[in-house]
């Protein structure tokens, strides 16, 4: 029965968030940034921003999981929404194959984008603790209507992004696009699973998180080959 089995040892979610999400995310952000500096691709610049957000926020949500399930779920939902939207912009940008950004100010642009990403991440981490912020999760009742809307939008954005990258893969047969589209698909499926959790860290939630963790590894596989395949 949904919500019947809960598995939430102290600090487990924090450790997993640091190792399987944040650490991998920072590596992918670095690879995206490195490829952007070499190519000037706006899509790669946006991916750098997305993965900074998807690396910093899990640190905050993992920390909050030790004392506030509601804040943890809220951070995860908001981080997913921001990260998925930025990745969708990257998918649209890649689909249109626009002219690369000039090389004269690439480092400055990357610095600004990373600063904005960190600032957004910190806002997401501390926002659930502000007075007046609505509860997005109630233990034994599940996610609230507001959170359901956030998750629904994030799922839709992940799936659209996956479709756009898979369409690009069908044309180019690039392994980068193949693995990346699968990663987005897994994150969309994982988000759907987490949205159905009834109790914090129940079996359904861990099933969804598993999709995130495997998807993170797919991100890493995809971006490792990006410098070799991007002209």
Protein backbone atom coordinates (compact mmCIF):
# COMPACT_ATOMS: atom_id res chain seq x y z
CA UNK A 1 0.00 0.00 0.00
CA UNK A 2 1.27 3.46 -0.89
CA UNK A 3 2.88 5.20 2.08
CA UNK A 4 2.97 2.05 4.21
CA UNK A 5 6.70 1.34 3.98
CA UNK A 6 9.09 4.15 4.92
CA UNK A 7 12.89 3.99 4.69
CA UNK A 8 14.58 7.08 6.07
CA UNK A 9 17.79 6.36 8.04
CA UNK A 10 19.46 9.49 9.47
CA UNK A 11 21.61 11.36 6.94
CA UNK A 12 21.10 8.74 4.19
CA UNK A 13 19.34 11.16 1.85
CA UNK A 14 21.99 13.80 2.52
CA UNK A 15 24.82 11.38 1.65
CA UNK A 16 23.08 10.17 -1.51
CA UNK A 17 22.25 13.74 -2.57
CA UNK A 18 25.89 14.73 -2.18
CA UNK A 19 27.30 11.73 -4.05
CA UNK A 20 24.77 10.73 -6.71
CA UNK A 21 23.19 14.09 -7.52
CA UNK A 22 25.32 17.05 -6.48
CA UNK A 23 28.75 15.59 -7.20
CA UNK A 24 27.67 14.27 -10.59
CA UNK A 25 25.84 17.52 -11.30
CA UNK A 26 28.93 19.62 -10.61
CA UNK A 27 30.98 17.39 -12.93
CA UNK A 28 28.39 17.75 -15.69
CA UNK A 29 28.23 21.52 -15.09
CA UNK A 30 32.02 21.67 -15.42
CA UNK A 31 31.99 19.63 -18.64
CA UNK A 32 29.19 21.79 -20.06
CA UNK A 33 31.08 24.97 -19.15
CA UNK A 34 34.29 23.64 -20.66
CA UNK A 35 32.51 22.76 -23.89
CA UNK A 36 30.81 26.17 -23.95
CA UNK A 37 34.17 27.96 -23.66
CA UNK A 38 35.46 25.90 -26.56
CA UNK A 39 32.43 26.23 -28.83
CA UNK A 40 30.40 29.23 -27.73
CA UNK A 41 27.22 27.13 -27.79
CA UNK A 42 24.40 28.90 -25.94
CA UNK A 43 22.78 25.52 -25.28
CA UNK A 44 25.86 24.39 -23.35
CA UNK A 45 25.91 27.67 -21.42
CA UNK A 46 22.30 27.09 -20.37
CA UNK A 47 23.10 23.51 -19.41
CA UNK A 48 25.89 24.79 -17.17
CA UNK A 49 23.35 27.00 -15.41
CA UNK A 50 20.83 24.18 -15.07
CA UNK A 51 23.33 21.80 -13.51
CA UNK A 52 24.63 24.34 -11.04
CA UNK A 53 21.05 24.67 -9.80
CA UNK A 54 20.56 20.89 -9.83
CA UNK A 55 23.78 20.50 -7.84
CA UNK A 56 23.39 23.19 -5.17
CA UNK A 57 19.71 22.63 -4.35
CA UNK A 58 20.11 18.88 -3.55
CA UNK A 59 22.73 19.82 -0.96
CA UNK A 60 20.15 22.03 0.74
CA UNK A 61 17.35 19.49 0.43
CA UNK A 62 19.60 16.71 1.75
CA UNK A 63 20.50 18.87 4.73
CA UNK A 64 16.83 19.75 5.36
CA UNK A 65 15.84 16.09 5.19
CA UNK A 66 17.39 15.60 8.63
CA UNK A 67 14.81 17.84 10.30
CA UNK A 68 12.13 19.15 7.88
CA UNK A 69 10.48 16.83 5.33
CA UNK A 70 8.21 19.64 4.13
CA UNK A 71 11.13 21.97 3.36
CA UNK A 72 13.00 19.09 1.68
CA UNK A 73 10.13 18.37 -0.69
CA UNK A 74 9.63 22.08 -1.39
CA UNK A 75 13.29 22.59 -2.28
CA UNK A 76 13.30 19.54 -4.53
CA UNK A 77 10.16 20.67 -6.34
CA UNK A 78 11.36 24.23 -6.92
CA UNK A 79 14.83 23.07 -7.95
CA UNK A 80 13.33 20.61 -10.42
CA UNK A 81 11.11 23.32 -11.89
CA UNK A 82 13.94 25.81 -12.42
CA UNK A 83 16.41 23.19 -13.66
CA UNK A 84 13.94 21.61 -16.08
CA UNK A 85 12.89 24.96 -17.56
CA UNK A 86 16.50 26.02 -18.17
CA UNK A 87 17.22 22.65 -19.80
CA UNK A 88 14.16 23.09 -22.01
CA UNK A 89 15.55 26.44 -23.18
CA UNK A 90 18.80 24.62 -23.96
CA UNK A 91 16.88 22.01 -25.96
CA UNK A 92 15.05 24.70 -27.92
CA UNK A 93 18.31 26.52 -28.55
CA UNK A 94 19.95 23.33 -29.79
CA UNK A 95 16.96 22.60 -32.00
CA UNK A 96 17.25 25.95 -33.78
CA UNK A 97 21.04 25.59 -34.14
CA UNK A 98 21.65 29.29 -33.68
CA UNK A 99 25.02 30.94 -34.32
CA UNK A 100 27.54 30.38 -31.48
CA UNK A 101 28.26 33.29 -29.14
CA UNK A 102 31.47 35.19 -29.88
CA UNK A 103 34.64 34.16 -28.09
CA UNK A 104 35.59 37.58 -26.69
CA UNK A 105 33.39 37.50 -23.57
CA UNK A 106 32.70 33.82 -23.00
CA UNK A 107 34.37 33.61 -19.60
CA UNK A 108 32.54 36.70 -18.38
CA UNK A 109 29.20 35.31 -19.58
CA UNK A 110 29.90 31.97 -17.93
CA UNK A 111 30.80 33.68 -14.64
CA UNK A 112 27.60 35.73 -14.68
CA UNK A 113 25.44 32.73 -15.53
CA UNK A 114 26.99 30.63 -12.75
CA UNK A 115 26.52 33.47 -10.27
CA UNK A 116 22.85 33.75 -11.22
CA UNK A 117 22.46 29.98 -10.90
CA UNK A 118 24.00 29.96 -7.40
CA UNK A 119 21.83 32.91 -6.35
CA UNK A 120 18.68 31.16 -7.61
CA UNK A 121 19.72 28.00 -5.80
CA UNK A 122 20.20 29.81 -2.50
CA UNK A 123 16.80 31.47 -2.87
CA UNK A 124 15.23 28.05 -3.46
CA UNK A 125 17.01 26.58 -0.42
CA UNK A 126 15.99 29.31 2.02
CA UNK A 127 12.56 30.18 0.61
CA UNK A 128 10.71 27.25 2.29
CA UNK A 129 11.82 28.57 5.69
CA UNK A 130 10.41 32.06 5.14
CA UNK A 131 7.25 33.10 6.94
CA UNK A 132 4.14 32.77 4.86
CA UNK A 133 5.56 30.16 2.52
CA UNK A 134 2.86 27.53 1.94
CA UNK A 135 3.44 23.94 2.96
CA UNK A 136 4.08 21.78 -0.10
CA UNK A 137 4.07 18.44 1.68
CA UNK A 138 2.14 16.97 4.61
CA UNK A 139 3.29 13.63 6.00
CA UNK A 140 0.63 10.91 5.65
CA UNK A 141 -1.32 13.17 3.26
CA UNK A 142 1.25 13.63 0.50
CA UNK A 143 2.10 16.64 -1.62
CA UNK A 144 -0.29 19.59 -1.62
CA UNK A 145 -2.11 20.95 -4.65
CA UNK A 146 0.51 23.65 -5.20
CA UNK A 147 3.26 21.06 -5.24
CA UNK A 148 1.27 18.84 -7.57
CA UNK A 149 1.11 21.72 -10.05
CA UNK A 150 4.86 22.35 -9.72
CA UNK A 151 5.65 18.68 -10.22
CA UNK A 152 3.25 18.42 -13.18
CA UNK A 153 4.92 21.35 -14.92
CA UNK A 154 8.41 19.96 -14.22
CA UNK A 155 7.42 16.51 -15.54
CA UNK A 156 5.98 18.02 -18.70
CA UNK A 157 9.07 20.16 -19.26
CA UNK A 158 11.42 17.19 -18.76
CA UNK A 159 9.44 15.10 -21.25
CA UNK A 160 9.33 17.88 -23.86
CA UNK A 161 13.07 18.41 -23.46
CA UNK A 162 13.64 14.68 -23.82
CA UNK A 163 11.57 14.64 -27.01
CA UNK A 164 13.48 17.59 -28.51
CA UNK A 165 16.87 16.05 -27.78
CA UNK A 166 15.73 12.65 -29.08
CA UNK A 167 14.55 14.33 -32.28
CA UNK A 168 17.98 15.89 -32.66
CA UNK A 169 19.54 12.48 -32.05
CA UNK A 170 17.41 10.93 -34.81
CA UNK A 171 19.01 13.38 -37.22
CA UNK A 172 22.61 13.37 -36.03
CA UNK A 173 22.96 9.94 -34.31
CA UNK A 174 25.02 11.69 -31.64
CA UNK A 175 25.57 9.54 -28.55
CA UNK A 176 25.58 12.72 -26.46
CA UNK A 177 22.03 13.57 -27.50
CA UNK A 178 20.91 9.95 -27.07
CA UNK A 179 22.08 9.63 -23.48
CA UNK A 180 20.96 13.14 -22.62
CA UNK A 181 17.42 12.55 -23.90
CA UNK A 182 17.25 9.35 -21.82
CA UNK A 183 18.48 11.25 -18.77
CA UNK A 184 15.71 13.82 -19.13
CA UNK A 185 13.17 11.04 -19.59
CA UNK A 186 14.33 9.33 -16.39
CA UNK A 187 14.18 12.58 -14.46
CA UNK A 188 10.62 13.11 -15.69
CA UNK A 189 9.62 9.59 -14.67
CA UNK A 190 11.42 9.95 -11.35
CA UNK A 191 9.64 13.23 -10.62
CA UNK A 192 6.32 11.51 -11.29
CA UNK A 193 7.20 8.87 -8.71
CA UNK A 194 8.25 11.38 -6.08
CA UNK A 195 5.05 13.35 -6.65
CA UNK A 196 3.09 10.28 -5.52
CA UNK A 197 4.79 9.85 -2.15
CA UNK A 198 2.34 9.74 0.72
CA UNK A 199 4.86 9.67 3.55
CA UNK A 200 8.31 11.19 3.41
CA UNK A 201 10.79 8.66 1.99
CA UNK A 202 8.25 5.93 1.43
CA UNK A 203 8.85 3.23 -1.18
CA UNK A 204 7.20 5.26 -3.93
CA UNK A 205 9.48 8.22 -3.21
CA UNK A 206 12.59 6.04 -3.35
CA UNK A 207 11.43 4.56 -6.65
CA UNK A 208 11.22 8.07 -8.06
CA UNK A 209 14.58 9.05 -6.61
CA UNK A 210 16.12 5.98 -8.24
CA UNK A 211 15.05 7.44 -11.58
CA UNK A 212 16.87 10.67 -10.66
CA UNK A 213 20.04 8.85 -9.62
CA UNK A 214 20.25 6.73 -12.77
CA UNK A 215 19.35 9.80 -14.84
CA UNK A 216 22.24 11.70 -13.24
CA UNK A 217 24.65 9.00 -14.38
CA UNK A 218 23.17 9.26 -17.89
CA UNK A 219 23.83 13.02 -17.80
CA UNK A 220 27.45 12.27 -17.00
CA UNK A 221 27.76 9.74 -19.81
CA UNK A 222 26.22 12.22 -22.25
CA UNK A 223 28.34 15.24 -21.38
CA UNK A 224 31.60 13.28 -21.33
CA UNK A 225 31.34 12.93 -25.09
CA UNK A 226 30.08 16.46 -25.76
CA UNK A 227 33.52 18.06 -26.34
CA UNK A 228 34.35 15.39 -28.93
CA UNK A 229 31.11 15.72 -30.86
CA UNK A 230 30.50 19.48 -30.78
CA UNK A 231 32.05 21.46 -33.58
